[in-house]
Amino acid sequence: MNYTPSIRRFMLYQIFLSDLSLSRQDLMREFNISSRTLDRDISEIRNALSEMTTFTYQLPVRNLIYDSRSNKYILIEGEFYGD
């Protein structure tokens, strides 16, 4: 199924939050997208995560990293943003 970019990015973020263990290839196959499209989606998700530092309310700090050994993305949680 083809999703709009915003829906696809939201779904990717939900996958990362759920700790599902999917490789880049799995994600590209699941969403029927190219490597370049996945890279753009990941970049947009990372940008959104970095903008959370400007949010007034406390939200968990999350960073999306790529583990080259497992060929998977991992969402790392840290401290809190906000007051």
Protein backbone atom coordinates (compact mmCIF):
# COMPACT_ATOMS: atom_id res chain seq x y z
CA MET A 1 0.00 0.00 0.00
CA ASN A 2 1.21 3.52 -0.75
CA TYR A 3 1.03 6.00 2.11
CA THR A 4 1.45 9.75 2.06
CA PRO A 5 4.88 10.86 3.32
CA SER A 6 3.44 12.24 6.58
CA ILE A 7 1.51 9.03 7.34
CA ARG A 8 4.51 6.88 6.44
CA ARG A 9 6.79 8.92 8.72
CA PHE A 10 4.30 8.68 11.56
CA MET A 11 4.10 4.92 11.05
CA LEU A 12 7.90 4.65 10.99
CA TYR A 13 8.09 6.59 14.25
CA GLN A 14 5.50 4.29 15.80
CA ILE A 15 7.56 1.28 14.68
CA PHE A 16 10.66 2.76 16.34
CA LEU A 17 8.70 3.48 19.53
CA SER A 18 7.40 -0.09 19.64
CA ASP A 19 10.91 -1.61 19.58
CA LEU A 20 10.06 -3.78 16.58
CA SER A 21 13.30 -5.07 15.16
CA LEU A 22 13.08 -4.22 11.45
CA SER A 23 16.06 -3.70 9.18
CA ARG A 24 16.36 -1.00 6.53
CA GLN A 25 15.48 -3.62 3.94
CA ASP A 26 12.40 -4.67 5.94
CA LEU A 27 11.23 -1.05 6.14
CA MET A 28 11.81 -0.38 2.45
CA ARG A 29 9.94 -3.55 1.53
CA GLU A 30 7.08 -2.90 3.97
CA PHE A 31 6.47 0.63 2.68
CA ASN A 32 7.49 -0.09 -0.91
CA ILE A 33 10.03 2.76 -0.91
CA SER A 34 13.60 3.28 -2.08
CA SER A 35 16.66 3.68 0.12
CA ARG A 36 16.72 7.37 -0.71
CA THR A 37 13.10 7.83 0.38
CA LEU A 38 13.80 6.02 3.64
CA ASP A 39 16.81 8.29 4.22
CA ARG A 40 14.61 11.37 3.70
CA ASP A 41 11.96 10.00 6.06
CA ILE A 42 14.57 9.26 8.74
CA SER A 43 15.99 12.76 8.32
CA GLU A 44 12.53 14.30 8.77
CA ILE A 45 11.90 12.22 11.90
CA ARG A 46 15.27 13.27 13.34
CA ASN A 47 14.49 16.92 12.58
CA ALA A 48 11.15 16.64 14.38
CA LEU A 49 12.84 15.03 17.38
CA SER A 50 15.43 17.79 17.56
CA GLU A 51 12.73 20.48 17.43
CA MET A 52 11.16 19.03 20.56
CA THR A 53 13.80 20.92 22.56
CA THR A 54 11.77 24.10 21.98
CA PHE A 55 8.57 22.61 23.41
CA THR A 56 7.47 24.14 26.72
CA TYR A 57 6.19 20.97 28.39
CA GLN A 58 8.35 18.07 29.54
CA LEU A 59 8.82 15.45 26.88
CA PRO A 60 11.32 12.61 26.82
CA VAL A 61 14.48 13.21 24.81
CA ARG A 62 14.67 10.74 21.97
CA ASN A 63 17.41 10.24 19.42
CA LEU A 64 17.14 8.01 16.39
CA ILE A 65 20.42 6.25 15.68
CA TYR A 66 21.47 3.68 13.11
CA ASP A 67 23.23 0.53 14.26
CA SER A 68 25.36 -0.57 11.31
CA ARG A 69 26.08 -3.96 12.88
CA SER A 70 22.43 -4.95 12.95
CA ASN A 71 21.41 -2.73 10.00
CA LYS A 72 18.57 -1.32 12.12
CA TYR A 73 17.45 1.99 13.58
CA ILE A 74 17.17 2.36 17.34
CA LEU A 75 15.25 5.03 19.23
CA ILE A 76 17.25 5.99 22.33
CA GLU A 77 15.52 7.71 25.23
CA GLY A 78 17.29 10.13 27.53
CA GLU A 79 16.35 12.94 29.88
CA PHE A 80 13.51 15.43 29.47
CA TYR A 81 13.09 18.63 27.47
CA GLY A 82 11.13 21.55 28.80
CA ASP A 83 10.55 23.08 32.20
